[in-house]
Protein backbone atom coordinates (compact mmCIF):
# COMPACT_ATOMS: atom_id res chain seq x y z
CA MET A 1 139.42 24.98 96.73
CA SER A 2 139.99 21.66 98.47
CA THR A 3 143.39 20.05 98.97
CA ASP A 4 142.33 16.97 96.99
CA LEU A 5 141.44 19.10 93.98
CA ILE A 6 144.75 20.97 94.18
CA LEU A 7 146.67 17.67 94.37
CA TRP A 8 144.69 16.31 91.41
CA ILE A 9 145.43 19.41 89.32
CA ILE A 10 149.15 19.30 90.19
CA GLY A 11 149.31 15.60 89.33
CA ALA A 12 147.46 16.11 86.02
CA LEU A 13 149.74 18.99 85.03
CA ALA A 14 152.82 16.98 85.93
CA VAL A 15 151.64 13.99 83.87
CA ALA A 16 150.80 16.27 80.92
CA TRP A 17 154.27 17.84 81.19
CA VAL A 18 155.91 14.40 81.14
CA VAL A 19 153.86 13.25 78.14
CA LEU A 20 154.75 16.44 76.26
CA GLY A 21 158.39 15.84 77.17
CA TRP A 22 158.26 12.32 75.76
CA VAL A 23 156.62 13.52 72.54
CA ARG A 24 159.18 16.31 72.17
CA SER A 25 162.01 13.90 72.93
CA TRP A 26 160.75 11.43 70.32
CA TRP A 27 160.37 14.18 67.72
CA GLN A 28 163.81 15.60 68.54
CA ARG A 29 165.38 12.14 68.36
CA SER A 30 163.85 11.45 64.94
CA GLU A 31 164.94 14.93 63.78
CA ASN A 32 168.49 14.28 65.04
CA GLN A 33 168.55 10.92 63.28
CA ARG A 34 167.47 12.59 60.02
CA ARG A 35 170.22 15.20 60.40
CA ALA A 36 172.77 12.47 61.14
CA ARG A 37 171.75 10.57 57.97
CA GLU A 38 172.12 13.79 55.94
CA PHE A 39 175.50 14.45 57.49
CA GLU A 40 176.69 10.90 56.79
CA ALA A 41 175.50 11.12 53.18
CA ARG A 42 177.26 14.48 52.74
CA ALA A 43 180.43 13.09 54.37
CA GLU A 44 180.32 10.05 52.12
CA ARG A 45 179.97 12.27 49.03
CA GLN A 46 182.92 14.36 50.21
CA TRP A 47 184.96 11.23 50.91
CA GLN A 48 184.23 9.89 47.46
CA GLY A 49 185.22 13.26 46.02
CA HIS A 50 188.53 13.10 47.92
CA ARG A 51 189.21 9.58 46.63
CA LEU A 52 188.43 10.54 43.07
CA SER A 53 190.61 13.64 43.15
CA GLY A 54 193.38 11.94 45.13
CA ALA A 55 193.36 14.78 47.63
CA GLY A 56 194.01 12.68 50.72
CA ALA A 57 193.27 9.52 52.61
CA GLU A 58 191.47 11.01 55.56
CA ALA A 59 187.72 11.05 55.91
CA PRO A 60 186.04 14.19 57.20
CA VAL A 61 185.65 14.07 60.98
CA ARG A 62 182.39 14.95 62.65
CA SER A 63 182.98 17.32 65.55
CA ARG A 64 180.90 17.20 68.70
CA SER A 65 180.24 20.09 70.96
CA GLY A 66 180.51 19.56 74.71
CA TYR A 67 177.78 18.09 76.89
CA ARG A 68 174.73 20.31 77.07
CA PRO A 69 172.10 19.33 79.65
CA ASN A 70 168.62 18.95 78.25
CA VAL A 71 166.60 21.41 80.35
CA PHE A 72 163.32 20.01 79.08
CA ARG A 73 164.28 16.51 80.26
CA ILE A 74 165.28 17.84 83.68
CA LEU A 75 161.93 19.64 84.00
CA ALA A 76 160.11 16.48 82.87
CA ILE A 77 161.87 14.47 85.60
CA ALA A 78 160.97 17.14 88.16
CA ALA A 79 157.35 17.02 87.01
CA MET A 80 157.37 13.22 87.35
CA VAL A 81 158.72 13.51 90.90
CA ILE A 82 155.98 16.01 91.76
CA ALA A 83 153.32 13.72 90.25
CA VAL A 84 154.55 10.70 92.19
CA ALA A 85 154.87 12.71 95.41
CA SER A 86 151.35 14.12 95.13
CA ALA A 87 149.95 10.67 94.34
CA GLY A 88 151.83 9.25 97.34
CA LEU A 89 150.47 12.00 99.57
CA TRP A 90 146.96 11.33 98.29
CA LEU A 91 147.31 7.59 98.94
CA TYR A 92 148.75 8.24 102.40
CA ARG A 93 145.78 10.45 103.30
CA ASP A 94 143.35 7.80 102.08
CA ALA A 95 145.19 5.02 103.91
CA ARG A 96 145.34 7.08 107.09
CA GLY A 97 141.55 7.26 107.03
CA ILE A 98 141.31 3.47 106.72
CA VAL A 99 143.96 2.67 109.30
CA GLY A 100 142.67 5.31 111.73
CA SER A 101 139.14 3.88 111.63
CA PHE A 102 139.96 0.84 113.77
CA GLY A 103 139.17 2.81 116.90
CA PRO A 104 140.91 3.44 120.16
CA ALA A 105 143.69 1.24 121.44
CA GLU A 106 143.34 -1.22 124.29
CA GLY A 107 143.34 0.59 127.65
CA SER A 108 142.12 3.92 126.27
CA MET A 109 138.93 5.60 127.43
CA ARG A 110 135.63 6.14 125.70
CA VAL A 111 134.39 9.38 127.19
CA ASN A 112 130.80 10.57 127.60
CA ILE A 113 130.90 14.21 126.51
CA ASN A 114 127.80 15.04 128.61
CA SER A 115 129.20 13.88 131.95
CA ALA A 116 133.03 13.76 131.60
CA THR A 117 135.32 15.95 133.65
CA GLN A 118 137.83 18.36 132.14
CA GLU A 119 140.67 15.85 132.75
CA GLU A 120 138.79 12.98 131.13
CA LEU A 121 138.08 15.07 128.03
CA GLU A 122 141.70 16.18 127.83
CA SER A 123 142.79 12.51 127.85
CA VAL A 124 141.19 12.10 124.41
CA PRO A 125 143.71 12.59 121.55
CA GLY A 126 142.95 15.86 119.78
CA ILE A 127 141.18 17.54 122.71
CA GLY A 128 143.12 20.10 124.67
CA PRO A 129 142.08 22.35 127.57
CA THR A 130 140.33 24.92 125.36
CA ARG A 131 138.31 22.41 123.39
CA ALA A 132 137.43 20.50 126.59
CA ALA A 133 136.12 23.75 128.10
CA GLN A 134 134.07 24.39 124.93
CA ILE A 135 132.57 20.89 125.13
CA ILE A 136 131.66 21.36 128.79
CA ALA A 137 130.13 24.79 128.08
CA GLY A 138 128.03 23.42 125.20
CA ARG A 139 126.33 20.63 127.17
CA PRO A 140 124.01 18.79 126.68
CA TRP A 141 125.02 17.15 123.40
CA GLY A 142 122.55 14.97 121.50
CA SER A 143 125.20 13.26 119.37
CA VAL A 144 128.92 13.41 118.69
CA ASP A 145 128.12 15.03 115.31
CA GLU A 146 126.94 18.17 117.10
CA LEU A 147 130.59 18.93 117.99
CA GLU A 148 130.88 20.45 114.51
CA GLU A 149 129.13 23.50 115.97
CA LEU A 150 132.31 24.31 117.93
CA ASN A 151 134.90 26.69 116.48
CA ASP A 152 137.58 25.00 114.35
CA VAL A 153 135.92 21.58 114.47
CA GLY A 154 134.99 20.10 111.12
CA PRO A 155 133.64 16.77 109.93
CA ARG A 156 137.13 15.31 109.67
CA GLN A 157 137.99 16.11 113.30
CA VAL A 158 134.65 14.70 114.44
CA GLU A 159 135.39 11.46 112.56
CA GLU A 160 138.81 11.25 114.25
CA LEU A 161 137.26 11.86 117.69
CA ARG A 162 134.20 9.60 117.21
CA PRO A 163 135.83 6.34 118.46
CA PHE A 164 136.77 8.05 121.73
CA LEU A 165 133.49 9.87 122.45
CA LYS A 166 129.90 8.99 123.20
CA THR A 167 126.79 10.80 124.48
CA GLU A 168 125.09 8.10 126.57
CA GLY A 169 126.26 5.98 129.48
CA ASP A 170 129.30 6.34 131.71
CA THR A 171 132.90 6.92 130.70
CA GLU A 172 134.42 3.48 130.14
CA LYS A 173 137.89 2.04 129.76
CA ARG A 174 138.55 -0.34 126.88
């Protein structure tokens, strides 16, 4: 399963959790308001009964229990944070692909993988001694895309290396 799919599923579950939290909160609020109206009506009836009987001048007092954290609300906030974080991570990964596609910086080298030395290959970001040795051992290369045949090199790594590599001409400095 790909990372994008996992992030999408986590985000969808988090959004669903938040929506369910809002619906439950709305229902609970309306239920609490109904109970409060019933309590007020009952208190008013009792107060009127006290006035009629002359029992006393004090109205019944509604007691409140202490603060009780709403666990569902806390979980909904946590789900919202997870949804925003996964969306931010997704956007960062997409933006990194756009920003990273501008190519090598001024003064960097564009290396020919068919004629470069070990040191020249190691100067490319993302190529270490082992991968440089694999590239040298796999010569000749017809295109940069053929690097996917190496162990642990996928399409994403090839796209990141593409601005720094070529298969024809001499190694050149930008």
